[in-house]
Protein backbone atom coordinates (compact mmCIF):
# COMPACT_ATOMS: atom_id res chain seq x y z
CA MET A 1 -40.18 15.85 9.04
CA LYS A 2 -39.43 14.99 5.72
CA SER A 3 -37.07 18.05 5.18
CA ASN A 4 -35.51 16.66 8.04
CA SER A 5 -35.22 13.32 6.52
CA TRP A 6 -33.64 14.56 3.48
CA ILE A 7 -31.24 16.45 5.36
CA LEU A 8 -30.23 13.03 7.17
CA VAL A 9 -29.86 11.20 4.03
CA VAL A 10 -27.55 13.79 2.31
CA THR A 11 -25.24 13.87 5.94
CA LEU A 12 -25.03 10.20 5.71
CA GLY A 13 -24.07 10.16 1.85
CA VAL A 14 -21.64 13.25 2.12
CA LEU A 15 -20.16 11.23 5.59
CA CYS A 16 -19.55 7.92 2.93
CA ILE A 17 -18.78 9.66 0.20
CA LEU A 18 -15.82 11.17 2.58
CA SER A 19 -14.69 7.78 4.67
CA ALA A 20 -14.47 6.12 0.85
CA PHE A 21 -11.92 9.02 -0.17
CA LEU A 22 -9.93 8.69 3.31
CA LEU A 23 -9.99 5.11 2.75
CA CYS A 24 -8.62 6.03 -0.74
CA TRP A 25 -6.31 7.82 0.54
CA HIS A 26 -4.89 5.54 3.32
CA ASN A 27 -4.29 3.10 0.58
CA VAL A 28 -2.38 5.16 -1.16
CA ARG A 29 -0.42 6.15 1.15
CA GLN A 30 0.33 3.02 2.48
CA SER A 31 1.41 1.86 -0.82
CA LYS A 32 3.67 4.79 -1.40
CA ASP A 33 5.33 4.19 1.86
CA ALA A 34 5.60 0.53 0.69
CA ALA A 35 7.64 1.48 -2.40
CA ASP A 36 9.57 3.61 -1.01
CA ALA A 37 10.69 1.04 1.83
CA SER A 38 11.26 -1.63 -0.85
CA GLU A 39 12.76 0.59 -2.83
CA SER A 40 15.29 1.49 0.01
CA VAL A 41 15.85 -1.67 1.26
CA ILE A 42 16.41 -3.59 -2.70
CA GLU A 43 19.19 -1.34 -3.57
CA ILE A 44 21.63 -1.75 0.03
CA LEU A 45 20.61 -6.04 -0.47
CA LYS A 46 21.80 -6.17 -3.95
CA ASN A 47 24.87 -4.43 -3.40
CA LYS A 48 25.58 -7.22 -0.17
CA ILE A 49 24.84 -10.17 -2.56
CA PRO A 50 27.45 -11.64 -4.68
CA ASP A 51 27.02 -10.65 -8.47
CA GLU A 52 27.63 -14.57 -8.87
CA TYR A 53 26.78 -17.57 -7.10
CA VAL A 54 28.87 -18.30 -4.37
CA ASP A 55 28.34 -21.85 -3.45
CA ILE A 56 30.34 -21.76 0.24
CA THR A 57 28.81 -25.05 1.09
CA GLU A 58 31.63 -26.61 -1.64
CA ALA A 59 35.22 -26.84 -1.77
CA THR A 60 35.54 -23.89 0.84
CA PRO A 61 38.47 -23.60 3.49
CA PRO A 62 37.01 -23.10 6.68
CA SER A 63 38.86 -20.11 7.08
CA THR A 64 37.32 -18.40 4.06
CA GLU A 65 33.69 -19.69 4.79
CA GLU A 66 33.67 -18.19 7.68
CA ASP A 67 34.67 -15.17 7.05
CA LEU A 68 31.97 -15.05 3.85
CA PHE A 69 29.18 -16.41 5.98
CA ALA A 70 29.77 -13.97 8.86
CA GLU A 71 27.88 -11.12 7.08
CA TYR A 72 24.82 -13.74 7.13
CA GLU A 73 22.73 -14.40 10.01
CA LYS A 74 21.04 -17.46 9.55
CA ASP A 75 16.54 -17.74 10.80
CA GLU A 76 16.35 -21.70 10.35
CA PRO A 77 19.24 -24.43 10.60
CA GLU A 78 18.48 -26.23 7.16
CA SER A 79 21.44 -24.99 4.72
CA LYS A 80 23.67 -22.11 4.38
CA SER A 81 21.51 -21.23 1.35
CA ASP A 82 18.70 -19.76 3.64
CA ALA A 83 21.11 -17.74 6.09
CA GLY A 84 19.41 -13.66 5.34
CA ILE A 85 21.33 -10.45 5.34
CA VAL A 86 19.87 -8.19 7.94
CA ILE A 87 18.66 -4.68 7.27
CA ASP A 88 17.37 -2.21 9.86
CA LYS A 89 16.84 -5.31 11.90
CA ASN A 90 14.81 -7.18 9.24
CA SER A 91 15.88 -10.42 7.74
CA TYR A 92 15.77 -10.64 4.07
CA CYS A 93 16.58 -13.87 2.28
CA GLY A 94 16.95 -12.58 -1.49
CA TYR A 95 14.88 -10.90 -3.86
CA ILE A 96 12.22 -11.60 -6.30
CA SER A 97 12.10 -9.85 -9.90
CA LEU A 98 8.87 -10.04 -12.28
CA PRO A 99 10.21 -8.67 -15.25
CA SER A 100 6.46 -8.43 -17.17
CA LEU A 101 5.27 -6.42 -14.64
CA GLY A 102 8.47 -4.18 -14.03
CA LEU A 103 9.11 -4.98 -10.36
CA GLU A 104 12.01 -6.07 -8.46
CA LEU A 105 11.71 -6.10 -4.95
CA PRO A 106 13.28 -7.62 -1.57
CA VAL A 107 11.86 -10.96 0.40
CA MET A 108 11.91 -10.79 3.91
CA SER A 109 13.26 -14.18 5.59
CA ASP A 110 9.71 -14.70 7.29
CA TRP A 111 6.48 -12.86 7.71
CA SER A 112 4.05 -10.92 9.26
CA TYR A 113 1.69 -8.17 9.10
CA ASP A 114 3.69 -5.33 9.70
CA LYS A 115 6.86 -7.33 7.85
CA LEU A 116 4.32 -7.12 4.66
CA ASN A 117 3.82 -3.37 5.00
CA ILE A 118 7.56 -3.26 4.00
CA SER A 119 8.22 -6.04 1.36
CA PRO A 120 6.91 -9.09 0.20
CA CYS A 121 7.76 -11.99 2.63
CA ARG A 122 9.08 -15.90 2.77
CA TYR A 123 5.62 -17.34 3.82
CA SER A 124 6.99 -21.00 3.60
CA GLY A 125 9.83 -23.09 2.04
CA SER A 126 12.77 -22.42 -0.02
CA ALA A 127 14.02 -21.88 -3.61
CA GLU A 128 16.22 -25.21 -2.50
CA THR A 129 13.74 -27.32 -1.69
CA ASN A 130 11.41 -26.28 -4.81
CA ASP A 131 8.20 -25.29 -2.46
CA LEU A 132 9.03 -21.49 -1.81
CA ILE A 133 5.51 -19.41 -1.53
CA ILE A 134 6.01 -15.63 -1.26
CA ALA A 135 3.22 -13.13 -0.02
CA ALA A 136 2.66 -9.83 0.06
CA HIS A 137 -0.06 -6.91 0.49
CA ASN A 138 -2.29 -5.56 -3.12
CA PHE A 139 0.02 -2.85 -2.69
CA TYR A 140 0.22 -1.19 -6.47
CA SER A 141 4.09 -1.40 -5.86
CA HIS A 142 4.43 -4.87 -4.35
CA PHE A 143 2.00 -7.81 -5.45
CA GLY A 144 -1.20 -5.57 -6.70
CA LYS A 145 -0.53 -6.68 -10.33
CA ILE A 146 0.12 -10.23 -10.05
CA ASP A 147 -2.75 -11.20 -11.62
CA ASP A 148 -1.80 -9.91 -14.83
CA LEU A 149 0.88 -12.59 -15.03
CA VAL A 150 0.13 -15.13 -17.85
CA SER A 151 1.40 -18.41 -18.35
CA GLY A 152 4.93 -17.96 -20.10
CA ASP A 153 5.71 -15.52 -17.94
CA ARG A 154 9.37 -15.31 -15.89
CA ILE A 155 9.79 -14.99 -12.31
CA VAL A 156 13.47 -14.59 -11.06
CA PHE A 157 14.06 -15.18 -6.91
CA THR A 158 17.68 -14.67 -6.20
CA ASN A 159 18.87 -15.85 -2.46
CA THR A 160 21.56 -13.90 -0.70
CA LEU A 161 24.72 -15.82 -1.99
CA GLY A 162 23.22 -14.67 -5.42
CA LYS A 163 21.99 -17.80 -6.65
CA LYS A 164 19.25 -17.20 -9.38
CA TYR A 165 16.13 -19.38 -9.33
CA ILE A 166 14.35 -19.00 -12.66
CA TYR A 167 10.29 -19.92 -13.03
CA THR A 168 7.78 -19.30 -15.91
CA VAL A 169 4.71 -19.20 -14.84
CA ALA A 170 2.06 -21.77 -15.24
CA TYR A 171 -1.30 -20.01 -14.15
CA THR A 172 -3.25 -17.92 -11.86
CA GLU A 173 -5.97 -18.48 -9.73
CA VAL A 174 -8.29 -17.38 -6.77
CA ILE A 175 -8.84 -18.81 -3.74
CA ASP A 176 -10.86 -18.82 -0.90
CA GLY A 177 -8.92 -16.29 1.81
CA GLU A 178 -9.36 -19.18 4.45
CA ASP A 179 -8.46 -22.16 2.48
CA ILE A 180 -4.98 -22.72 3.47
CA THR A 181 -5.05 -26.50 2.33
CA GLN A 182 -5.55 -25.31 -1.37
CA MET A 183 -2.17 -23.02 -0.99
CA PHE A 184 -0.15 -25.74 0.11
CA SER A 185 -1.80 -27.97 -2.67
CA GLY A 186 0.82 -26.73 -4.82
CA GLN A 187 3.33 -28.51 -3.17
CA SER A 188 1.99 -31.79 -3.56
CA GLU A 189 0.98 -30.85 -7.45
CA GLU A 190 4.73 -30.11 -7.05
CA TRP A 191 4.55 -26.33 -8.01
CA ASP A 192 7.78 -24.58 -7.32
CA LEU A 193 6.82 -21.28 -6.69
CA THR A 194 3.65 -19.75 -5.43
CA LEU A 195 2.86 -16.15 -5.04
CA PHE A 196 -0.23 -14.84 -3.39
CA THR A 197 -1.83 -11.49 -2.34
CA CYS A 198 -5.27 -10.70 -1.10
CA THR A 199 -7.94 -9.35 -3.24
CA LEU A 200 -9.09 -5.61 -2.61
CA SER A 201 -12.12 -7.47 -0.20
CA GLY A 202 -9.70 -9.56 1.58
CA LYS A 203 -12.06 -12.51 1.14
CA SER A 204 -9.70 -14.19 -1.33
CA ARG A 205 -6.81 -14.40 -2.65
CA VAL A 206 -4.93 -13.95 -5.65
CA THR A 207 -2.39 -17.01 -6.66
CA VAL A 208 0.13 -17.19 -8.95
CA ARG A 209 1.66 -20.91 -9.28
CA ALA A 210 5.02 -21.28 -11.53
CA ASP A 211 7.76 -23.79 -12.36
CA LEU A 212 11.51 -24.09 -12.16
CA VAL A 213 13.02 -23.97 -15.54
CA PRO A 214 16.10 -26.28 -14.10
CA GLU A 215 18.14 -25.51 -16.86
CA GLU A 216 18.70 -21.71 -16.18
CA THR A 217 19.01 -21.79 -12.75
CA THR A 218 22.29 -20.14 -11.88
């Protein structure tokens, strides 16, 4: 009887170790696939975005404006600065740069769990209205390192018209995964940009709040 119990314990231990290994391998594989997908997209995206900001809402002849705007697909009707560039049937509103983490990633115009496997996504708001919230998985190649950001670190979001919004990190906090109100409270406190990702347990969200640097918005 003792021998059988010992065999059962060893078997369960081996199964646990194997399960942990397979889960780890799956997470590494997902992170690698996400990194490859983002790298492929951002090269195309940056080639389609003007090197300098093009304001198509002011002093632009109608014919020229129509030609320029033809490359973009609207996701929401608020303004042309919210236009998206479509790549592989997904719409992108721009890209985000995190210099202190060595990251530069495309940002999809809207979010879903499947889309988050490819790149960070706009969760709500926009850079133009100073209430942009961007979500991403905690892949090492995506937002897995944002808890390393410290006050004063820079974040740059470039929209599809080439306009750059430069932010500085105010602070990082951890929010309960079900506390949607707290995630949006940054808007009432006038945080211009919020980045968030789930913790490894999935029960909480690492959240970065940042302020716009107006004089450096170009």
